[in-house]
Amino acid sequence: MKNFLKQLNYIFEGYYCLILRKLRRLNKQNALLYDFRYMTCQKCEKRNKLLDTCSICGCWLPAKTSVNYELDENRKSINGCPEKRW
């Protein structure tokens, strides 16, 4: 149940940050980070181009790339990219 709630929180946070991004209310540092993540996903062979989703986890990429995930020691997101590309 704890993992489910954490994933649900990530989903809500992703959509909230995406809205802030569209309204230009997100700080520049986060916007650049999210842009980098999204550009990385656009180049990935696991991306479903038609739906703009990750074919591994099924997440919609504009929202998934807009979450402030915890980072590991290599500065990669812990629960973000399933391929550990960002």
N, C-alpha and C. Protein backbone atom coordinates (compact mmCIF):
# COMPACT_ATOMS: atom_id res chain seq x y z
N MET A 1 0.82 -1.20 0.00
CA MET A 1 0.00 0.00 0.00
C MET A 1 0.87 1.26 0.00
N LYS A 2 1.98 1.23 0.75
CA LYS A 2 2.87 2.39 0.83
C LYS A 2 3.45 2.73 -0.54
N ASN A 3 3.86 1.70 -1.28
CA ASN A 3 4.42 1.91 -2.62
C ASN A 3 3.37 2.49 -3.57
N PHE A 4 2.13 2.00 -3.46
CA PHE A 4 1.04 2.50 -4.29
C PHE A 4 0.81 3.99 -4.03
N LEU A 5 0.80 4.38 -2.76
CA LEU A 5 0.59 5.80 -2.42
C LEU A 5 1.74 6.67 -2.91
N LYS A 6 2.95 6.14 -2.84
CA LYS A 6 4.11 6.88 -3.34
C LYS A 6 3.98 7.09 -4.85
N GLN A 7 3.60 6.06 -5.58
CA GLN A 7 3.43 6.17 -7.03
C GLN A 7 2.30 7.14 -7.37
N LEU A 8 1.22 7.09 -6.60
CA LEU A 8 0.11 8.01 -6.81
C LEU A 8 0.55 9.45 -6.58
N ASN A 9 1.36 9.65 -5.56
CA ASN A 9 1.90 10.98 -5.28
C ASN A 9 2.75 11.47 -6.45
N TYR A 10 3.57 10.59 -7.02
CA TYR A 10 4.38 10.96 -8.18
C TYR A 10 3.50 11.39 -9.36
N ILE A 11 2.41 10.67 -9.57
CA ILE A 11 1.51 11.00 -10.67
C ILE A 11 0.91 12.39 -10.48
N PHE A 12 0.39 12.67 -9.29
CA PHE A 12 -0.18 13.99 -9.02
C PHE A 12 0.86 15.09 -9.11
N GLU A 13 2.05 14.83 -8.58
CA GLU A 13 3.11 15.83 -8.64
C GLU A 13 3.51 16.12 -10.08
N GLY A 14 3.59 15.08 -10.90
CA GLY A 14 3.95 15.25 -12.30
C GLY A 14 2.96 16.15 -13.04
N TYR A 15 1.68 15.91 -12.86
CA TYR A 15 0.67 16.73 -13.52
C TYR A 15 0.65 18.15 -12.97
N TYR A 16 0.85 18.29 -11.65
CA TYR A 16 0.89 19.62 -11.04
C TYR A 16 2.08 20.42 -11.59
N CYS A 17 3.26 19.80 -11.64
CA CYS A 17 4.44 20.50 -12.18
C CYS A 17 4.28 20.80 -13.66
N LEU A 18 3.62 19.92 -14.38
CA LEU A 18 3.37 20.16 -15.80
C LEU A 18 2.49 21.38 -15.99
N ILE A 19 1.48 21.53 -15.15
CA ILE A 19 0.62 22.71 -15.21
C ILE A 19 1.42 23.96 -14.88
N LEU A 20 2.23 23.90 -13.83
CA LEU A 20 3.07 25.06 -13.49
C LEU A 20 4.01 25.41 -14.63
N ARG A 21 4.51 24.40 -15.28
CA ARG A 21 5.42 24.61 -16.42
C ARG A 21 4.71 25.34 -17.56
N LYS A 22 3.51 24.90 -17.87
CA LYS A 22 2.74 25.52 -18.95
C LYS A 22 2.37 26.95 -18.62
N LEU A 23 2.16 27.23 -17.33
CA LEU A 23 1.83 28.59 -16.89
C LEU A 23 3.07 29.45 -16.66
N ARG A 24 4.24 28.86 -16.89
CA ARG A 24 5.53 29.53 -16.68
C ARG A 24 5.70 29.98 -15.24
N ARG A 25 5.27 29.14 -14.30
CA ARG A 25 5.38 29.42 -12.87
C ARG A 25 6.41 28.51 -12.19
N LEU A 26 7.16 27.75 -12.98
CA LEU A 26 8.15 26.83 -12.46
C LEU A 26 9.51 27.50 -12.49
N ASN A 27 10.33 27.29 -11.48
CA ASN A 27 11.63 27.95 -11.49
C ASN A 27 12.47 27.41 -12.65
N LYS A 28 13.39 28.24 -13.11
CA LYS A 28 14.14 27.94 -14.33
C LYS A 28 14.99 26.68 -14.20
N GLN A 29 15.58 26.46 -13.03
CA GLN A 29 16.42 25.28 -12.84
C GLN A 29 15.61 23.99 -13.01
N ASN A 30 14.44 23.93 -12.41
CA ASN A 30 13.60 22.74 -12.56
C ASN A 30 13.11 22.61 -14.00
N ALA A 31 12.75 23.70 -14.64
CA ALA A 31 12.28 23.65 -16.02
C ALA A 31 13.36 23.08 -16.94
N LEU A 32 14.61 23.49 -16.73
CA LEU A 32 15.71 22.97 -17.55
C LEU A 32 15.93 21.48 -17.30
N LEU A 33 15.83 21.06 -16.04
CA LEU A 33 15.98 19.65 -15.70
C LEU A 33 14.88 18.83 -16.37
N TYR A 34 13.65 19.29 -16.29
CA TYR A 34 12.53 18.57 -16.88
C TYR A 34 12.64 18.53 -18.41
N ASP A 35 13.12 19.62 -19.00
CA ASP A 35 13.33 19.64 -20.46
C ASP A 35 14.38 18.61 -20.86
N PHE A 36 15.47 18.54 -20.09
CA PHE A 36 16.52 17.55 -20.37
C PHE A 36 15.96 16.13 -20.29
N ARG A 37 15.20 15.86 -19.26
CA ARG A 37 14.61 14.52 -19.11
C ARG A 37 13.69 14.18 -20.27
N TYR A 38 12.85 15.13 -20.64
CA TYR A 38 11.89 14.87 -21.73
C TYR A 38 12.62 14.66 -23.05
N MET A 39 13.66 15.45 -23.32
CA MET A 39 14.43 15.27 -24.55
C MET A 39 15.11 13.90 -24.56
N THR A 40 15.58 13.45 -23.40
CA THR A 40 16.18 12.12 -23.30
C THR A 40 15.15 11.05 -23.63
N CYS A 41 13.95 11.20 -23.11
CA CYS A 41 12.88 10.23 -23.39
C CYS A 41 12.47 10.24 -24.86
N GLN A 42 12.50 11.39 -25.49
CA GLN A 42 12.11 11.47 -26.90
C GLN A 42 13.05 10.67 -27.80
N LYS A 43 14.30 10.51 -27.37
CA LYS A 43 15.29 9.76 -28.15
C LYS A 43 15.27 8.27 -27.84
N CYS A 44 14.56 7.87 -26.80
CA CYS A 44 14.58 6.48 -26.33
C CYS A 44 13.76 5.57 -27.24
N GLU A 45 14.31 4.39 -27.50
CA GLU A 45 13.62 3.41 -28.35
C GLU A 45 12.43 2.76 -27.64
N LYS A 46 12.32 2.94 -26.33
CA LYS A 46 11.21 2.37 -25.56
C LYS A 46 10.00 3.31 -25.53
N ARG A 47 10.12 4.46 -26.15
CA ARG A 47 9.04 5.45 -26.14
C ARG A 47 7.97 5.08 -27.17
N ASN A 48 6.72 5.14 -26.75
CA ASN A 48 5.60 4.98 -27.67
C ASN A 48 5.34 6.37 -28.26
N LYS A 49 5.74 6.56 -29.50
CA LYS A 49 5.66 7.89 -30.12
C LYS A 49 4.23 8.36 -30.32
N LEU A 50 3.34 7.45 -30.59
CA LEU A 50 1.95 7.81 -30.83
C LEU A 50 1.28 8.38 -29.58
N LEU A 51 1.50 7.74 -28.45
CA LEU A 51 0.86 8.17 -27.20
C LEU A 51 1.77 9.02 -26.32
N ASP A 52 3.06 9.13 -26.68
CA ASP A 52 4.07 9.85 -25.90
C ASP A 52 4.15 9.29 -24.49
N THR A 53 4.23 7.94 -24.43
CA THR A 53 4.32 7.23 -23.16
C THR A 53 5.57 6.35 -23.15
N CYS A 54 5.95 5.93 -21.96
CA CYS A 54 7.04 4.97 -21.80
C CYS A 54 6.43 3.57 -21.96
N SER A 55 6.98 2.77 -22.86
CA SER A 55 6.41 1.43 -23.06
C SER A 55 6.79 0.47 -21.94
N ILE A 56 7.73 0.85 -21.07
CA ILE A 56 8.10 0.00 -19.94
C ILE A 56 7.13 0.20 -18.78
N CYS A 57 6.95 1.45 -18.36
CA CYS A 57 6.11 1.71 -17.18
C CYS A 57 4.71 2.22 -17.55
N GLY A 58 4.51 2.70 -18.77
CA GLY A 58 3.21 3.16 -19.21
C GLY A 58 2.90 4.61 -18.89
N CYS A 59 3.84 5.31 -18.28
CA CYS A 59 3.60 6.70 -17.88
C CYS A 59 3.61 7.65 -19.08
N TRP A 60 2.82 8.70 -18.97
CA TRP A 60 2.79 9.76 -19.97
C TRP A 60 4.03 10.62 -19.72
N LEU A 61 4.90 10.74 -20.70
CA LEU A 61 6.22 11.32 -20.50
C LEU A 61 6.24 12.79 -20.11
N PRO A 62 5.39 13.66 -20.63
CA PRO A 62 5.45 15.04 -20.17
C PRO A 62 5.23 15.17 -18.66
N ALA A 63 4.38 14.34 -18.09
CA ALA A 63 4.16 14.40 -16.64
C ALA A 63 5.25 13.64 -15.88
N LYS A 64 5.64 12.48 -16.38
CA LYS A 64 6.66 11.67 -15.69
C LYS A 64 7.98 12.43 -15.56
N THR A 65 8.36 13.15 -16.57
CA THR A 65 9.64 13.86 -16.55
C THR A 65 9.58 15.13 -15.71
N SER A 66 8.42 15.48 -15.19
CA SER A 66 8.24 16.72 -14.41
C SER A 66 8.13 16.49 -12.91
N VAL A 67 8.61 15.35 -12.43
CA VAL A 67 8.52 15.03 -11.01
C VAL A 67 9.88 15.23 -10.36
N ASN A 68 9.89 15.72 -9.12
CA ASN A 68 11.13 15.84 -8.34
C ASN A 68 11.40 14.52 -7.63
N TYR A 69 11.98 13.58 -8.36
CA TYR A 69 12.30 12.27 -7.80
C TYR A 69 13.51 12.36 -6.86
N GLU A 70 13.57 11.43 -5.92
CA GLU A 70 14.77 11.28 -5.11
C GLU A 70 15.90 10.81 -6.04
N LEU A 71 17.13 11.24 -5.75
CA LEU A 71 18.27 10.90 -6.59
C LEU A 71 19.20 9.93 -5.86
N ASP A 72 19.86 9.07 -6.64
CA ASP A 72 20.85 8.17 -6.05
C ASP A 72 22.21 8.85 -6.02
N GLU A 73 23.26 8.11 -5.67
CA GLU A 73 24.59 8.70 -5.54
C GLU A 73 25.17 9.17 -6.88
N ASN A 74 24.62 8.69 -7.99
CA ASN A 74 25.07 9.11 -9.32
C ASN A 74 24.20 10.22 -9.91
N ARG A 75 23.33 10.80 -9.06
CA ARG A 75 22.42 11.87 -9.46
C ARG A 75 21.39 11.40 -10.49
N LYS A 76 21.08 10.11 -10.48
CA LYS A 76 20.01 9.55 -11.33
C LYS A 76 18.78 9.37 -10.46
N SER A 77 17.61 9.52 -11.05
CA SER A 77 16.37 9.40 -10.28
C SER A 77 16.17 7.95 -9.83
N ILE A 78 15.69 7.80 -8.62
CA ILE A 78 15.49 6.46 -8.06
C ILE A 78 14.23 5.81 -8.64
N ASN A 79 13.15 6.55 -8.73
CA ASN A 79 11.89 5.99 -9.22
C ASN A 79 11.46 6.61 -10.55
N GLY A 80 12.36 7.29 -11.22
CA GLY A 80 12.02 7.96 -12.47
C GLY A 80 12.14 7.02 -13.66
N CYS A 81 13.15 7.22 -14.45
CA CYS A 81 13.34 6.42 -15.67
C CYS A 81 13.63 4.98 -15.34
N PRO A 82 12.83 4.04 -15.86
CA PRO A 82 13.08 2.63 -15.59
C PRO A 82 14.40 2.14 -16.19
N GLU A 83 14.92 2.85 -17.17
CA GLU A 83 16.19 2.50 -17.81
C GLU A 83 17.37 3.23 -17.18
N LYS A 84 17.10 4.06 -16.17
CA LYS A 84 18.12 4.86 -15.46
C LYS A 84 18.90 5.77 -16.41
N ARG A 85 18.19 6.34 -17.38
CA ARG A 85 18.82 7.30 -18.31
C ARG A 85 18.85 8.71 -17.73
N TRP A 86 17.99 8.98 -16.77
CA TRP A 86 18.00 10.28 -16.09
C TRP A 86 17.59 10.12 -14.65
